[in-house]
N, C-alpha and C. Protein backbone atom coordinates (compact mmCIF):
# COMPACT_ATOMS: atom_id res chain seq x y z
N MET A 1 -40.36 4.69 -9.57
CA MET A 1 -38.50 4.58 -9.00
C MET A 1 -38.68 4.77 -11.12
N THR A 2 -37.34 4.90 -11.19
CA THR A 2 -37.09 4.60 -12.89
C THR A 2 -35.73 3.28 -12.87
N ALA A 3 -35.17 3.10 -14.12
CA ALA A 3 -34.65 2.17 -14.19
C ALA A 3 -33.17 2.35 -13.64
N SER A 4 -32.24 3.46 -13.54
CA SER A 4 -31.00 4.05 -13.27
C SER A 4 -31.21 4.17 -11.61
N SER A 5 -32.65 4.56 -10.57
CA SER A 5 -32.26 4.47 -9.73
C SER A 5 -32.32 3.06 -8.75
N ALA A 6 -33.22 2.05 -9.61
CA ALA A 6 -32.84 0.64 -9.43
C ALA A 6 -32.15 0.12 -9.51
N THR A 7 -31.35 0.45 -10.46
CA THR A 7 -29.91 -0.40 -10.39
C THR A 7 -28.62 0.35 -9.74
N ALA A 8 -28.99 1.84 -9.12
CA ALA A 8 -27.89 1.89 -7.94
C ALA A 8 -28.04 1.83 -6.80
N THR A 9 -29.53 1.92 -6.62
CA THR A 9 -30.06 1.17 -5.39
C THR A 9 -29.30 -0.45 -5.18
N VAL A 10 -29.08 -1.45 -6.58
CA VAL A 10 -29.07 -2.05 -6.17
C VAL A 10 -27.59 -3.01 -6.29
N LEU A 11 -26.77 -2.04 -6.69
CA LEU A 11 -25.27 -1.67 -7.12
C LEU A 11 -24.48 -1.51 -5.77
N GLN A 12 -24.97 -0.52 -4.73
CA GLN A 12 -24.69 -0.12 -3.72
C GLN A 12 -24.31 -1.38 -2.57
N ALA A 13 -23.55 -1.38 -1.98
CA ALA A 13 -23.26 -2.22 -0.71
C ALA A 13 -22.80 -1.19 0.22
N PRO A 14 -23.24 -2.24 1.61
CA PRO A 14 -23.27 -2.22 2.79
C PRO A 14 -21.60 -1.72 2.83
N ALA A 15 -21.83 -0.71 3.62
CA ALA A 15 -20.21 0.11 3.83
C ALA A 15 -19.27 -1.00 4.54
N GLY A 16 -19.50 -2.20 5.72
CA GLY A 16 -18.72 -3.28 5.94
C GLY A 16 -18.20 -4.10 4.77
N LEU A 17 -19.27 -4.77 3.31
CA LEU A 17 -19.12 -5.65 2.45
C LEU A 17 -18.39 -5.01 1.31
N ARG A 18 -18.04 -3.85 1.74
CA ARG A 18 -16.74 -2.94 0.17
C ARG A 18 -15.88 -3.60 0.29
N ALA A 19 -15.03 -3.84 -0.87
CA ALA A 19 -13.78 -4.58 -1.32
C ALA A 19 -12.91 -3.00 -1.03
N ARG A 20 -11.88 -3.64 -0.80
CA ARG A 20 -10.29 -2.87 -0.60
C ARG A 20 -10.01 -2.81 -1.77
N THR A 21 -9.29 -1.49 -2.31
CA THR A 21 -8.82 -1.37 -3.93
C THR A 21 -7.55 -0.89 -3.52
N GLY A 22 -6.98 -1.85 -2.44
CA GLY A 22 -5.45 -1.07 -2.43
C GLY A 22 -4.86 0.17 -2.18
N GLY A 23 -5.76 1.25 -1.90
CA GLY A 23 -5.65 2.95 -2.54
C GLY A 23 -4.98 2.93 -0.61
N PRO A 24 -4.44 4.76 -0.66
CA PRO A 24 -4.04 5.20 0.47
C PRO A 24 -4.71 4.49 1.69
N GLN A 25 -3.95 4.22 2.69
CA GLN A 25 -3.94 4.05 3.93
C GLN A 25 -4.11 5.10 5.27
N ASP A 26 -4.29 4.59 5.96
CA ASP A 26 -4.31 6.51 7.52
C ASP A 26 -3.21 5.90 7.73
N ASP A 27 -2.45 4.42 7.61
CA ASP A 27 -1.18 3.87 8.76
C ASP A 27 -0.30 4.10 7.43
N GLY A 28 0.84 3.89 8.04
CA GLY A 28 2.12 3.61 7.19
C GLY A 28 2.96 4.38 7.00
N PRO A 29 4.43 4.44 6.57
CA PRO A 29 5.55 4.61 6.54
C PRO A 29 5.38 6.03 5.67
N LYS A 30 5.16 7.12 6.13
CA LYS A 30 4.65 8.42 5.14
C LYS A 30 6.19 9.16 4.18
N VAL A 31 6.80 9.38 5.51
CA VAL A 31 8.49 9.35 4.96
C VAL A 31 9.06 8.62 4.27
N LEU A 32 9.16 7.42 4.29
CA LEU A 32 9.78 6.39 2.82
C LEU A 32 8.34 6.53 1.90
N GLU A 33 7.88 6.78 2.07
CA GLU A 33 6.59 6.90 0.78
C GLU A 33 7.30 8.25 0.17
N HIS A 34 7.53 9.24 0.60
CA HIS A 34 7.63 10.44 0.31
C HIS A 34 9.03 10.28 -0.14
N LEU A 35 10.37 9.81 0.31
CA LEU A 35 11.46 9.30 0.14
C LEU A 35 11.73 8.75 -1.53
N LEU A 36 10.84 7.65 -1.29
CA LEU A 36 10.68 7.18 -2.62
C LEU A 36 10.17 7.42 -3.93
N GLY A 37 9.70 8.82 -4.05
CA GLY A 37 8.71 9.18 -4.78
C GLY A 37 9.48 10.50 -5.00
N TRP A 38 10.05 11.23 -4.32
CA TRP A 38 11.71 12.21 -4.68
C TRP A 38 12.23 11.41 -5.24
N THR A 39 13.00 10.01 -4.99
CA THR A 39 14.13 9.17 -5.63
C THR A 39 13.39 8.98 -7.18
N LEU A 40 12.11 8.80 -7.39
CA LEU A 40 11.67 8.12 -8.58
C LEU A 40 11.53 9.60 -9.44
N VAL A 41 11.27 10.78 -8.93
CA VAL A 41 10.69 12.06 -9.77
C VAL A 41 12.77 12.68 -9.90
N VAL A 42 13.56 12.23 -9.67
CA VAL A 42 15.25 12.18 -9.59
C VAL A 42 15.36 11.74 -10.66
N LEU A 43 15.29 10.65 -10.39
CA LEU A 43 15.97 9.41 -11.03
C LEU A 43 15.13 9.68 -13.01
N LEU A 44 13.81 10.06 -12.85
CA LEU A 44 13.13 10.12 -14.67
C LEU A 44 13.77 11.78 -15.17
N ALA A 45 14.05 12.42 -13.92
CA ALA A 45 14.94 13.58 -14.59
C ALA A 45 15.94 13.53 -15.20
N MET A 46 17.38 12.70 -14.60
CA MET A 46 18.19 12.44 -14.74
C MET A 46 17.93 11.26 -16.50
N LEU A 47 17.06 10.42 -16.61
CA LEU A 47 16.88 10.05 -17.59
C LEU A 47 16.60 10.72 -18.95
N VAL A 48 15.75 11.97 -18.39
CA VAL A 48 15.30 12.74 -19.43
C VAL A 48 16.47 13.68 -20.39
N THR A 49 16.94 13.86 -19.11
CA THR A 49 18.17 15.26 -19.38
C THR A 49 19.34 14.18 -20.41
N GLN A 50 19.73 12.82 -20.05
CA GLN A 50 20.78 12.15 -20.47
C GLN A 50 20.26 11.50 -21.48
N ALA A 51 18.85 11.37 -22.19
CA ALA A 51 18.72 11.20 -23.35
C ALA A 51 18.10 12.30 -24.59
N GLY A 52 18.24 13.27 -23.74
CA GLY A 52 18.37 14.90 -24.47
C GLY A 52 16.90 15.27 -24.99
N LEU A 53 16.38 14.56 -24.02
CA LEU A 53 14.71 14.94 -24.36
C LEU A 53 14.34 16.73 -24.29
N ILE A 54 15.42 17.19 -23.23
CA ILE A 54 15.15 18.46 -22.52
C ILE A 54 16.42 19.37 -23.14
């Protein structure tokens, strides 16, 4: 066994013990997320246009 494979074996945690990282979840208000995302895109486009960057 090499040092890197031993380190990888030690650093792996069982599936039940892994910490949640706050990433996307399977459940949740998808429509709300899409609306808020598109609202952010529109507001950013308006800001760039008003600032004269385009």
